[in-house]
């Protein structure tokens, strides 16, 4: 199963955030890396959702956490 429209929208928003952040004046040399890492974390979380839907037998505990 693929990502949903809303999930794809979140991924697209991450790209928008990155592009806008890169337009800002640099304040600290680590800021770009920190933002990049945060965006990659968001993207990984969103992309894992497809795996959860495709393999409910593997991710059975996820249902009980929600």
Protein backbone atom coordinates (compact mmCIF):
# COMPACT_ATOMS: atom_id res chain seq x y z
CA UNK A 1 0.00 0.00 0.00
CA UNK A 2 1.22 3.48 -0.76
CA UNK A 3 1.22 6.57 1.39
CA UNK A 4 -2.11 8.34 1.68
CA UNK A 5 -2.72 11.76 0.21
CA UNK A 6 -2.45 13.32 3.68
CA UNK A 7 0.83 11.49 4.36
CA UNK A 8 2.25 12.64 1.03
CA UNK A 9 1.16 16.15 1.94
CA UNK A 10 3.17 15.96 5.18
CA UNK A 11 6.24 14.80 3.22
CA UNK A 12 5.74 17.69 0.79
CA UNK A 13 5.39 20.10 3.72
CA UNK A 14 8.76 18.88 5.02
CA UNK A 15 10.36 19.90 1.73
CA UNK A 16 8.68 23.28 1.98
CA UNK A 17 9.95 23.77 5.52
CA UNK A 18 13.48 22.83 4.46
CA UNK A 19 13.43 25.20 1.50
CA UNK A 20 12.11 28.08 3.61
CA UNK A 21 14.60 27.39 6.38
CA UNK A 22 17.47 27.48 3.90
CA UNK A 23 16.41 30.98 2.91
CA UNK A 24 16.95 32.24 6.47
CA UNK A 25 20.14 33.94 7.57
CA UNK A 26 22.48 31.51 9.31
CA UNK A 27 22.53 32.05 13.08
CA UNK A 28 24.42 28.95 14.19
CA UNK A 29 26.48 26.50 12.11
CA UNK A 30 24.60 23.46 13.46
CA UNK A 31 21.11 24.75 12.72
CA UNK A 32 20.83 23.35 9.18
CA UNK A 33 21.96 19.90 10.31
CA UNK A 34 19.50 19.99 13.23
CA UNK A 35 16.59 20.98 10.98
CA UNK A 36 17.60 18.37 8.40
CA UNK A 37 17.73 15.68 11.09
CA UNK A 38 14.33 16.71 12.45
CA UNK A 39 12.79 16.61 8.98
CA UNK A 40 14.28 13.18 8.31
CA UNK A 41 12.77 11.96 11.58
CA UNK A 42 9.34 13.23 10.56
CA UNK A 43 9.68 11.66 7.12
CA UNK A 44 10.69 8.27 8.60
CA UNK A 45 7.70 8.31 10.96
CA UNK A 46 5.28 9.17 8.18
CA UNK A 47 6.73 6.62 5.75
CA UNK A 48 6.57 3.83 8.35
CA UNK A 49 2.80 4.20 8.42
CA UNK A 50 2.56 2.41 5.07
CA UNK A 51 4.49 -0.54 6.50
CA UNK A 52 2.13 -0.64 9.48
CA UNK A 53 -0.85 -0.91 7.12
CA UNK A 54 0.83 -3.44 4.80
CA UNK A 55 2.03 -5.76 7.58
CA UNK A 56 -0.48 -5.73 10.44
CA UNK A 57 0.74 -9.19 11.41
CA UNK A 58 4.20 -7.80 12.16
CA UNK A 59 3.04 -4.59 13.79
CA UNK A 60 0.27 -6.06 15.94
CA UNK A 61 1.38 -4.19 19.05
CA UNK A 62 0.91 -0.87 17.26
CA UNK A 63 -2.87 -1.35 17.32
CA UNK A 64 -2.90 -1.55 21.11
CA UNK A 65 -0.77 1.56 21.57
CA UNK A 66 -3.13 3.89 19.71
